[in-house]
All heavy atoms as atom14 arrays in JSON, in Angstrom:
{
  "sequence": "GGSLNNALVISDDSYLNQPRFVDECVRHKVLDFLGDIAFIGRPLVAY",
  "atom14_mask": [
    [1, 1, 1, 1, 0, 0, 0, 0, 0, 0, 0, 0, 0, 0],
    [1, 1, 1, 1, 0, 0, 0, 0, 0, 0, 0, 0, 0, 0],
    [1, 1, 1, 1, 1, 1, 0, 0, 0, 0, 0, 0, 0, 0],
    [1, 1, 1, 1, 1, 1, 1, 1, 0, 0, 0, 0, 0, 0],
    [1, 1, 1, 1, 1, 1, 1, 1, 0, 0, 0, 0, 0, 0],
    [1, 1, 1, 1, 1, 1, 1, 1, 0, 0, 0, 0, 0, 0],
    [1, 1, 1, 1, 1, 0, 0, 0, 0, 0, 0, 0, 0, 0],
    [1, 1, 1, 1, 1, 1, 1, 1, 0, 0, 0, 0, 0, 0],
    [1, 1, 1, 1, 1, 1, 1, 0, 0, 0, 0, 0, 0, 0],
    [1, 1, 1, 1, 1, 1, 1, 1, 0, 0, 0, 0, 0, 0],
    [1, 1, 1, 1, 1, 1, 0, 0, 0, 0, 0, 0, 0, 0],
    [1, 1, 1, 1, 1, 1, 1, 1, 0, 0, 0, 0, 0, 0],
    [1, 1, 1, 1, 1, 1, 1, 1, 0, 0, 0, 0, 0, 0],
    [1, 1, 1, 1, 1, 1, 0, 0, 0, 0, 0, 0, 0, 0],
    [1, 1, 1, 1, 1, 1, 1, 1, 1, 1, 1, 1, 0, 0],
    [1, 1, 1, 1, 1, 1, 1, 1, 0, 0, 0, 0, 0, 0],
    [1, 1, 1, 1, 1, 1, 1, 1, 0, 0, 0, 0, 0, 0],
    [1, 1, 1, 1, 1, 1, 1, 1, 1, 0, 0, 0, 0, 0],
    [1, 1, 1, 1, 1, 1, 1, 0, 0, 0, 0, 0, 0, 0],
    [1, 1, 1, 1, 1, 1, 1, 1, 1, 1, 1, 0, 0, 0],
    [1, 1, 1, 1, 1, 1, 1, 1, 1, 1, 1, 0, 0, 0],
    [1, 1, 1, 1, 1, 1, 1, 0, 0, 0, 0, 0, 0, 0],
    [1, 1, 1, 1, 1, 1, 1, 1, 0, 0, 0, 0, 0, 0],
    [1, 1, 1, 1, 1, 1, 1, 1, 1, 0, 0, 0, 0, 0],
    [1, 1, 1, 1, 1, 1, 0, 0, 0, 0, 0, 0, 0, 0],
    [1, 1, 1, 1, 1, 1, 1, 0, 0, 0, 0, 0, 0, 0],
    [1, 1, 1, 1, 1, 1, 1, 1, 1, 1, 1, 0, 0, 0],
    [1, 1, 1, 1, 1, 1, 1, 1, 1, 1, 0, 0, 0, 0],
    [1, 1, 1, 1, 1, 1, 1, 1, 1, 0, 0, 0, 0, 0],
    [1, 1, 1, 1, 1, 1, 1, 0, 0, 0, 0, 0, 0, 0],
    [1, 1, 1, 1, 1, 1, 1, 1, 0, 0, 0, 0, 0, 0],
    [1, 1, 1, 1, 1, 1, 1, 1, 0, 0, 0, 0, 0, 0],
    [1, 1, 1, 1, 1, 1, 1, 1, 1, 1, 1, 0, 0, 0],
    [1, 1, 1, 1, 1, 1, 1, 1, 0, 0, 0, 0, 0, 0],
    [1, 1, 1, 1, 0, 0, 0, 0, 0, 0, 0, 0, 0, 0],
    [1, 1, 1, 1, 1, 1, 1, 1, 0, 0, 0, 0, 0, 0],
    [1, 1, 1, 1, 1, 1, 1, 1, 0, 0, 0, 0, 0, 0],
    [1, 1, 1, 1, 1, 0, 0, 0, 0, 0, 0, 0, 0, 0],
    [1, 1, 1, 1, 1, 1, 1, 1, 1, 1, 1, 0, 0, 0],
    [1, 1, 1, 1, 1, 1, 1, 1, 0, 0, 0, 0, 0, 0],
    [1, 1, 1, 1, 0, 0, 0, 0, 0, 0, 0, 0, 0, 0],
    [1, 1, 1, 1, 1, 1, 1, 1, 1, 1, 1, 0, 0, 0],
    [1, 1, 1, 1, 1, 1, 1, 0, 0, 0, 0, 0, 0, 0],
    [1, 1, 1, 1, 1, 1, 1, 1, 0, 0, 0, 0, 0, 0],
    [1, 1, 1, 1, 1, 1, 1, 0, 0, 0, 0, 0, 0, 0],
    [1, 1, 1, 1, 1, 0, 0, 0, 0, 0, 0, 0, 0, 0],
    [1, 1, 1, 1, 1, 1, 1, 1, 1, 1, 1, 1, 0, 0]
  ],
  "atom14_positions": [
    [[48.86, 14.53, 9.57], [47.91, 15.47, 8.97], [46.51, 15.34, 9.53], [45.57, 15.97, 9.04], [0.0, 0.0, 0.0], [0.0, 0.0, 0.0], [0.0, 0.0, 0.0], [0.0, 0.0, 0.0], [0.0, 0.0, 0.0], [0.0, 0.0, 0.0], [0.0, 0.0, 0.0], [0.0, 0.0, 0.0], [0.0, 0.0, 0.0], [0.0, 0.0, 0.0]],
    [[46.36, 14.53, 10.57], [45.05, 14.31, 11.16], [44.59, 15.5, 12.0], [45.39, 16.17, 12.64], [0.0, 0.0, 0.0], [0.0, 0.0, 0.0], [0.0, 0.0, 0.0], [0.0, 0.0, 0.0], [0.0, 0.0, 0.0], [0.0, 0.0, 0.0], [0.0, 0.0, 0.0], [0.0, 0.0, 0.0], [0.0, 0.0, 0.0], [0.0, 0.0, 0.0]],
    [[43.3, 15.76, 12.0], [42.72, 16.84, 12.8], [41.24, 16.58, 12.99], [40.68, 15.62, 12.44], [42.92, 18.19, 12.09], [42.08, 18.29, 10.96], [0.0, 0.0, 0.0], [0.0, 0.0, 0.0], [0.0, 0.0, 0.0], [0.0, 0.0, 0.0], [0.0, 0.0, 0.0], [0.0, 0.0, 0.0], [0.0, 0.0, 0.0], [0.0, 0.0, 0.0]],
    [[40.61, 17.45, 13.74], [39.16, 17.34, 13.93], [38.4, 17.65, 12.65], [37.2, 17.41, 12.58], [38.7, 18.28, 15.05], [39.26, 17.97, 16.45], [38.76, 19.0, 17.46], [38.87, 16.56, 16.91], [0.0, 0.0, 0.0], [0.0, 0.0, 0.0], [0.0, 0.0, 0.0], [0.0, 0.0, 0.0], [0.0, 0.0, 0.0], [0.0, 0.0, 0.0]],
    [[39.11, 18.16, 11.64], [38.48, 18.44, 10.36], [38.44, 17.24, 9.43], [37.71, 17.26, 8.43], [39.21, 19.6, 9.65], [39.09, 20.9, 10.4], [38.05, 21.21, 10.96], [40.17, 21.68, 10.42], [0.0, 0.0, 0.0], [0.0, 0.0, 0.0], [0.0, 0.0, 0.0], [0.0, 0.0, 0.0], [0.0, 0.0, 0.0], [0.0, 0.0, 0.0]],
    [[39.23, 16.21, 9.74], [39.26, 15.07, 8.83], [39.19, 13.72, 9.54], [39.49, 12.69, 8.94], [40.49, 15.12, 7.92], [41.8, 15.22, 8.7], [41.93, 14.66, 9.78], [42.77, 15.92, 8.12], [0.0, 0.0, 0.0], [0.0, 0.0, 0.0], [0.0, 0.0, 0.0], [0.0, 0.0, 0.0], [0.0, 0.0, 0.0], [0.0, 0.0, 0.0]],
    [[38.79, 13.73, 10.8], [38.63, 12.47, 11.53], [37.69, 12.67, 12.7], [37.61, 13.76, 13.28], [39.98, 11.97, 12.04], [0.0, 0.0, 0.0], [0.0, 0.0, 0.0], [0.0, 0.0, 0.0], [0.0, 0.0, 0.0], [0.0, 0.0, 0.0], [0.0, 0.0, 0.0], [0.0, 0.0, 0.0], [0.0, 0.0, 0.0], [0.0, 0.0, 0.0]],
    [[36.97, 11.62, 13.03], [36.16, 11.59, 14.24], [37.06, 11.1, 15.36], [37.59, 9.99, 15.29], [34.97, 10.65, 14.06], [34.02, 10.49, 15.25], [33.31, 11.8, 15.56], [33.0, 9.38, 14.99], [0.0, 0.0, 0.0], [0.0, 0.0, 0.0], [0.0, 0.0, 0.0], [0.0, 0.0, 0.0], [0.0, 0.0, 0.0], [0.0, 0.0, 0.0]],
    [[37.27, 11.93, 16.38], [38.23, 11.61, 17.43], [37.5, 11.23, 18.71], [36.59, 11.93, 19.16], [39.18, 12.79, 17.7], [40.21, 12.4, 18.77], [39.9, 13.2, 16.41], [0.0, 0.0, 0.0], [0.0, 0.0, 0.0], [0.0, 0.0, 0.0], [0.0, 0.0, 0.0], [0.0, 0.0, 0.0], [0.0, 0.0, 0.0], [0.0, 0.0, 0.0]],
    [[37.92, 10.1, 19.29], [37.26, 9.51, 20.44], [38.14, 9.7, 21.68], [39.29, 9.25, 21.71], [37.0, 8.01, 20.21], [36.17, 7.81, 18.92], [36.31, 7.37, 21.4], [36.2, 6.38, 18.4], [0.0, 0.0, 0.0], [0.0, 0.0, 0.0], [0.0, 0.0, 0.0], [0.0, 0.0, 0.0], [0.0, 0.0, 0.0], [0.0, 0.0, 0.0]],
    [[37.6, 10.37, 22.69], [38.32, 10.53, 23.95], [37.87, 9.44, 24.91], [37.19, 8.48, 24.52], [38.07, 11.91, 24.55], [36.73, 12.03, 24.99], [0.0, 0.0, 0.0], [0.0, 0.0, 0.0], [0.0, 0.0, 0.0], [0.0, 0.0, 0.0], [0.0, 0.0, 0.0], [0.0, 0.0, 0.0], [0.0, 0.0, 0.0], [0.0, 0.0, 0.0]],
    [[38.23, 9.57, 26.18], [37.89, 8.53, 27.16], [36.39, 8.37, 27.35], [35.91, 7.25, 27.57], [38.53, 8.85, 28.51], [40.04, 8.7, 28.49], [40.55, 7.98, 27.6], [40.71, 9.31, 29.33], [0.0, 0.0, 0.0], [0.0, 0.0, 0.0], [0.0, 0.0, 0.0], [0.0, 0.0, 0.0], [0.0, 0.0, 0.0], [0.0, 0.0, 0.0]],
    [[35.65, 9.47, 27.26], [34.21, 9.38, 27.56], [33.32, 10.12, 26.59], [32.12, 10.3, 26.85], [33.95, 9.89, 28.98], [34.48, 11.31, 29.2], [34.9, 11.94, 28.22], [34.48, 11.77, 30.36], [0.0, 0.0, 0.0], [0.0, 0.0, 0.0], [0.0, 0.0, 0.0], [0.0, 0.0, 0.0], [0.0, 0.0, 0.0], [0.0, 0.0, 0.0]],
    [[33.86, 10.58, 25.46], [33.03, 11.31, 24.5], [33.76, 11.44, 23.17], [34.93, 11.06, 23.04], [32.7, 12.71, 25.03], [33.88, 13.5, 25.11], [0.0, 0.0, 0.0], [0.0, 0.0, 0.0], [0.0, 0.0, 0.0], [0.0, 0.0, 0.0], [0.0, 0.0, 0.0], [0.0, 0.0, 0.0], [0.0, 0.0, 0.0], [0.0, 0.0, 0.0]],
    [[33.05, 11.96, 22.19], [33.67, 12.35, 20.93], [34.16, 13.79, 21.07], [33.48, 14.63, 21.66], [32.68, 12.26, 19.77], [32.2, 10.86, 19.45], [30.9, 10.47, 19.75], [33.04, 9.94, 18.84], [30.44, 9.2, 19.45], [32.6, 8.66, 18.54], [31.3, 8.29, 18.85], [30.86, 7.03, 18.56], [0.0, 0.0, 0.0], [0.0, 0.0, 0.0]],
    [[35.31, 14.1, 20.5], [35.82, 15.46, 20.55], [35.17, 16.35, 19.49], [35.22, 17.57, 19.59], [37.33, 15.47, 20.37], [38.16, 14.79, 21.47], [39.65, 15.02, 21.23], [37.76, 15.29, 22.84], [0.0, 0.0, 0.0], [0.0, 0.0, 0.0], [0.0, 0.0, 0.0], [0.0, 0.0, 0.0], [0.0, 0.0, 0.0], [0.0, 0.0, 0.0]],
    [[34.58, 15.74, 18.47], [33.81, 16.48, 17.48], [32.5, 15.75, 17.23], [32.33, 14.6, 17.64], [34.6, 16.69, 16.19], [35.32, 15.46, 15.7], [35.42, 14.46, 16.42], [35.84, 15.51, 14.49], [0.0, 0.0, 0.0], [0.0, 0.0, 0.0], [0.0, 0.0, 0.0], [0.0, 0.0, 0.0], [0.0, 0.0, 0.0], [0.0, 0.0, 0.0]],
    [[31.58, 16.43, 16.6], [30.22, 15.91, 16.45], [30.17, 14.78, 15.43], [30.56, 14.97, 14.27], [29.28, 17.03, 16.02], [27.81, 16.63, 15.93], [27.22, 16.27, 17.27], [27.58, 16.84, 18.3], [26.3, 15.32, 17.29], [0.0, 0.0, 0.0], [0.0, 0.0, 0.0], [0.0, 0.0, 0.0], [0.0, 0.0, 0.0], [0.0, 0.0, 0.0]],
    [[29.7, 13.59, 15.82], [29.56, 12.51, 14.83], [28.43, 12.81, 13.85], [27.45, 13.49, 14.18], [29.24, 11.29, 15.7], [28.68, 11.83, 16.96], [29.34, 13.16, 17.18], [0.0, 0.0, 0.0], [0.0, 0.0, 0.0], [0.0, 0.0, 0.0], [0.0, 0.0, 0.0], [0.0, 0.0, 0.0], [0.0, 0.0, 0.0], [0.0, 0.0, 0.0]],
    [[28.56, 12.3, 12.65], [27.53, 12.48, 11.64], [26.41, 11.45, 11.8], [25.3, 11.67, 11.34], [28.15, 12.34, 10.25], [29.1, 13.48, 9.9], [29.77, 13.28, 8.56], [30.6, 14.44, 8.23], [31.41, 14.5, 7.17], [31.49, 13.46, 6.35], [32.12, 15.59, 6.95], [0.0, 0.0, 0.0], [0.0, 0.0, 0.0], [0.0, 0.0, 0.0]],
    [[26.75, 10.31, 12.38], [25.77, 9.26, 12.67], [26.06, 8.76, 14.08], [27.21, 8.81, 14.55], [25.91, 8.08, 11.69], [25.87, 8.45, 10.24], [27.05, 8.65, 9.52], [24.67, 8.58, 9.57], [27.04, 8.97, 8.17], [24.64, 8.89, 8.21], [25.82, 9.1, 7.51], [0.0, 0.0, 0.0], [0.0, 0.0, 0.0], [0.0, 0.0, 0.0]],
    [[25.06, 8.23, 14.76], [25.3, 7.69, 16.1], [26.23, 6.49, 16.04], [26.92, 6.17, 17.01], [23.97, 7.31, 16.79], [23.12, 8.54, 17.05], [23.18, 6.28, 15.97], [0.0, 0.0, 0.0], [0.0, 0.0, 0.0], [0.0, 0.0, 0.0], [0.0, 0.0, 0.0], [0.0, 0.0, 0.0], [0.0, 0.0, 0.0], [0.0, 0.0, 0.0]],
    [[26.27, 5.82, 14.89], [27.14, 4.67, 14.7], [28.14, 4.93, 13.57], [28.42, 4.06, 12.74], [26.31, 3.41, 14.41], [25.38, 3.58, 13.2], [25.29, 4.71, 12.67], [24.78, 2.58, 12.78], [0.0, 0.0, 0.0], [0.0, 0.0, 0.0], [0.0, 0.0, 0.0], [0.0, 0.0, 0.0], [0.0, 0.0, 0.0], [0.0, 0.0, 0.0]],
    [[28.71, 6.12, 13.55], [29.59, 6.5, 12.45], [30.81, 5.6, 12.33], [31.29, 5.32, 11.24], [30.04, 7.96, 12.59], [30.86, 8.45, 11.41], [31.09, 9.95, 11.41], [30.68, 10.62, 12.39], [31.68, 10.45, 10.45], [0.0, 0.0, 0.0], [0.0, 0.0, 0.0], [0.0, 0.0, 0.0], [0.0, 0.0, 0.0], [0.0, 0.0, 0.0]],
    [[31.31, 5.11, 13.47], [32.52, 4.27, 13.43], [32.3, 3.01, 12.61], [33.1, 2.68, 11.73], [32.95, 3.92, 14.85], [33.46, 5.33, 15.85], [0.0, 0.0, 0.0], [0.0, 0.0, 0.0], [0.0, 0.0, 0.0], [0.0, 0.0, 0.0], [0.0, 0.0, 0.0], [0.0, 0.0, 0.0], [0.0, 0.0, 0.0], [0.0, 0.0, 0.0]],
    [[31.22, 2.29, 12.89], [31.0, 1.04, 12.16], [30.65, 1.32, 10.7], [31.02, 0.55, 9.81], [29.9, 0.19, 12.84], [28.51, 0.79, 12.66], [29.93, -1.24, 12.3], [0.0, 0.0, 0.0], [0.0, 0.0, 0.0], [0.0, 0.0, 0.0], [0.0, 0.0, 0.0], [0.0, 0.0, 0.0], [0.0, 0.0, 0.0], [0.0, 0.0, 0.0]],
    [[30.0, 2.44, 10.43], [29.71, 2.79, 9.04], [31.01, 3.04, 8.27], [31.14, 2.66, 7.1], [28.8, 4.01, 8.97], [27.38, 3.76, 9.45], [26.57, 5.04, 9.47], [25.28, 4.85, 10.12], [24.1, 5.05, 9.54], [24.05, 5.45, 8.28], [22.99, 4.87, 10.21], [0.0, 0.0, 0.0], [0.0, 0.0, 0.0], [0.0, 0.0, 0.0]],
    [[31.97, 3.69, 8.94], [33.24, 3.91, 8.25], [33.98, 2.59, 8.01], [34.67, 2.44, 6.99], [34.14, 4.87, 9.03], [35.39, 5.2, 8.27], [35.4, 6.1, 7.21], [36.65, 4.7, 8.34], [36.62, 6.15, 6.69], [37.39, 5.31, 7.36], [0.0, 0.0, 0.0], [0.0, 0.0, 0.0], [0.0, 0.0, 0.0], [0.0, 0.0, 0.0]],
    [[33.84, 1.66, 8.92], [34.46, 0.35, 8.71], [33.87, -0.33, 7.47], [34.58, -1.02, 6.73], [34.28, -0.53, 9.94], [34.99, -0.01, 11.19], [36.5, -0.02, 11.02], [37.08, -1.4, 11.22], [38.57, -1.37, 11.22], [0.0, 0.0, 0.0], [0.0, 0.0, 0.0], [0.0, 0.0, 0.0], [0.0, 0.0, 0.0], [0.0, 0.0, 0.0]],
    [[32.57, -0.13, 7.24], [31.95, -0.66, 6.02], [32.57, 0.01, 4.8], [32.88, -0.65, 3.8], [30.43, -0.46, 6.04], [29.81, -0.86, 4.7], [29.79, -1.27, 7.17], [0.0, 0.0, 0.0], [0.0, 0.0, 0.0], [0.0, 0.0, 0.0], [0.0, 0.0, 0.0], [0.0, 0.0, 0.0], [0.0, 0.0, 0.0], [0.0, 0.0, 0.0]],
    [[32.77, 1.33, 4.88], [33.39, 2.05, 3.77], [34.79, 1.52, 3.49], [35.16, 1.27, 2.33], [33.44, 3.54, 4.09], [34.13, 4.43, 3.04], [33.36, 4.43, 1.73], [34.3, 5.85, 3.57], [0.0, 0.0, 0.0], [0.0, 0.0, 0.0], [0.0, 0.0, 0.0], [0.0, 0.0, 0.0], [0.0, 0.0, 0.0], [0.0, 0.0, 0.0]],
    [[35.59, 1.35, 4.53], [36.93, 0.8, 4.35], [36.89, -0.59, 3.73], [37.71, -0.93, 2.86], [37.67, 0.75, 5.69], [38.32, 2.07, 6.05], [38.4, 2.97, 5.19], [38.76, 2.2, 7.21], [0.0, 0.0, 0.0], [0.0, 0.0, 0.0], [0.0, 0.0, 0.0], [0.0, 0.0, 0.0], [0.0, 0.0, 0.0], [0.0, 0.0, 0.0]],
    [[35.95, -1.4, 4.18], [35.82, -2.76, 3.64], [35.53, -2.71, 2.14], [36.13, -3.46, 1.35], [34.71, -3.51, 4.38], [34.49, -4.91, 3.89], [35.36, -5.93, 4.24], [33.4, -5.22, 3.08], [35.16, -7.24, 3.78], [33.18, -6.51, 2.63], [34.07, -7.53, 2.99], [0.0, 0.0, 0.0], [0.0, 0.0, 0.0], [0.0, 0.0, 0.0]],
    [[34.63, -1.82, 1.73], [34.32, -1.7, 0.3], [35.55, -1.26, -0.48], [35.81, -1.76, -1.58], [33.17, -0.7, 0.1], [31.8, -1.12, 0.62], [30.79, 0.0, 0.39], [31.33, -2.41, -0.04], [0.0, 0.0, 0.0], [0.0, 0.0, 0.0], [0.0, 0.0, 0.0], [0.0, 0.0, 0.0], [0.0, 0.0, 0.0], [0.0, 0.0, 0.0]],
    [[36.31, -0.32, 0.09], [37.54, 0.11, -0.58], [38.55, -1.01, -0.7], [39.23, -1.15, -1.73], [0.0, 0.0, 0.0], [0.0, 0.0, 0.0], [0.0, 0.0, 0.0], [0.0, 0.0, 0.0], [0.0, 0.0, 0.0], [0.0, 0.0, 0.0], [0.0, 0.0, 0.0], [0.0, 0.0, 0.0], [0.0, 0.0, 0.0], [0.0, 0.0, 0.0]],
    [[38.65, -1.83, 0.34], [39.64, -2.91, 0.34], [39.26, -4.03, -0.63], [40.13, -4.56, -1.33], [39.8, -3.46, 1.75], [40.41, -2.43, 2.7], [40.96, -1.42, 2.22], [40.33, -2.63, 3.93], [0.0, 0.0, 0.0], [0.0, 0.0, 0.0], [0.0, 0.0, 0.0], [0.0, 0.0, 0.0], [0.0, 0.0, 0.0], [0.0, 0.0, 0.0]],
    [[37.99, -4.39, -0.7], [37.61, -5.46, -1.62], [37.55, -4.96, -3.06], [37.5, -5.76, -4.0], [36.29, -6.15, -1.24], [35.1, -5.22, -1.36], [36.39, -6.76, 0.15], [33.75, -5.92, -1.21], [0.0, 0.0, 0.0], [0.0, 0.0, 0.0], [0.0, 0.0, 0.0], [0.0, 0.0, 0.0], [0.0, 0.0, 0.0], [0.0, 0.0, 0.0]],
    [[37.58, -3.63, -3.25], [37.63, -3.09, -4.61], [38.9, -3.52, -5.33], [38.94, -3.56, -6.56], [37.52, -1.57, -4.57], [0.0, 0.0, 0.0], [0.0, 0.0, 0.0], [0.0, 0.0, 0.0], [0.0, 0.0, 0.0], [0.0, 0.0, 0.0], [0.0, 0.0, 0.0], [0.0, 0.0, 0.0], [0.0, 0.0, 0.0], [0.0, 0.0, 0.0]],
    [[39.95, -3.86, -4.57], [41.19, -4.3, -5.18], [41.06, -5.67, -5.84], [41.97, -6.1, -6.55], [42.31, -4.32, -4.13], [42.71, -2.95, -3.66], [42.25, -2.46, -2.45], [43.53, -2.15, -4.43], [42.6, -1.2, -2.01], [43.9, -0.89, -4.01], [43.43, -0.4, -2.79], [0.0, 0.0, 0.0], [0.0, 0.0, 0.0], [0.0, 0.0, 0.0]],
    [[39.97, -6.36, -5.6], [39.71, -7.63, -6.29], [39.6, -7.39, -7.79], [39.98, -8.23, -8.61], [38.44, -8.3, -5.73], [38.69, -8.75, -4.28], [37.99, -9.47, -6.59], [37.44, -9.22, -3.56], [0.0, 0.0, 0.0], [0.0, 0.0, 0.0], [0.0, 0.0, 0.0], [0.0, 0.0, 0.0], [0.0, 0.0, 0.0], [0.0, 0.0, 0.0]],
    [[39.06, -6.23, -8.16], [38.98, -5.86, -9.57], [37.71, -6.27, -10.27], [37.53, -5.97, -11.46], [0.0, 0.0, 0.0], [0.0, 0.0, 0.0], [0.0, 0.0, 0.0], [0.0, 0.0, 0.0], [0.0, 0.0, 0.0], [0.0, 0.0, 0.0], [0.0, 0.0, 0.0], [0.0, 0.0, 0.0], [0.0, 0.0, 0.0], [0.0, 0.0, 0.0]],
    [[36.83, -6.96, -9.58], [35.53, -7.35, -10.13], [34.47, -7.19, -9.06], [34.76, -7.37, -7.87], [35.56, -8.81, -10.6], [36.43, -9.06, -11.82], [36.74, -10.54, -12.0], [35.56, -11.34, -12.24], [35.56, -12.69, -12.29], [36.7, -13.33, -12.12], [34.46, -13.34, -12.5], [0.0, 0.0, 0.0], [0.0, 0.0, 0.0], [0.0, 0.0, 0.0]],
    [[33.24, -6.85, -9.44], [32.16, -6.74, -8.45], [31.97, -8.08, -7.74], [32.08, -9.15, -8.35], [30.93, -6.39, -9.28], [31.47, -5.87, -10.57], [32.77, -6.57, -10.81], [0.0, 0.0, 0.0], [0.0, 0.0, 0.0], [0.0, 0.0, 0.0], [0.0, 0.0, 0.0], [0.0, 0.0, 0.0], [0.0, 0.0, 0.0], [0.0, 0.0, 0.0]],
    [[31.68, -8.01, -6.46], [31.53, -9.21, -5.65], [30.1, -9.23, -5.09], [29.7, -8.32, -4.36], [32.55, -9.18, -4.51], [32.78, -10.45, -3.69], [33.16, -11.61, -4.59], [33.86, -10.2, -2.65], [0.0, 0.0, 0.0], [0.0, 0.0, 0.0], [0.0, 0.0, 0.0], [0.0, 0.0, 0.0], [0.0, 0.0, 0.0], [0.0, 0.0, 0.0]],
    [[29.34, -10.24, -5.48], [27.95, -10.36, -5.04], [27.87, -11.39, -3.93], [28.08, -12.59, -4.16], [27.03, -10.76, -6.22], [25.57, -10.81, -5.75], [27.18, -9.78, -7.37], [0.0, 0.0, 0.0], [0.0, 0.0, 0.0], [0.0, 0.0, 0.0], [0.0, 0.0, 0.0], [0.0, 0.0, 0.0], [0.0, 0.0, 0.0], [0.0, 0.0, 0.0]],
    [[27.58, -10.93, -2.72], [27.55, -11.82, -1.56], [26.89, -11.1, -0.4], [26.68, -9.88, -0.42], [28.98, -12.23, -1.16], [0.0, 0.0, 0.0], [0.0, 0.0, 0.0], [0.0, 0.0, 0.0], [0.0, 0.0, 0.0], [0.0, 0.0, 0.0], [0.0, 0.0, 0.0], [0.0, 0.0, 0.0], [0.0, 0.0, 0.0], [0.0, 0.0, 0.0]],
    [[26.57, -11.89, 0.62], [26.16, -11.33, 1.91], [27.38, -11.43, 2.81], [27.84, -12.52, 3.15], [24.99, -12.11, 2.5], [24.62, -11.73, 3.92], [24.8, -10.43, 4.4], [24.09, -12.68, 4.8], [24.46, -10.08, 5.69], [23.74, -12.34, 6.1], [23.93, -11.04, 6.54], [23.6, -10.7, 7.83], [0.0, 0.0, 0.0], [0.0, 0.0, 0.0]]
  ]
}
């Protein structure tokens, strides 16, 4: 179900669609990390 409407796609030398941030990839990794640690079930205060 993936498409240029629901993913940032990376080719050999460019993005196939316009990124929302110059570092959108690492920002999304932060989002995934927050989603994954949410399964702990309690807020986690740390650096």
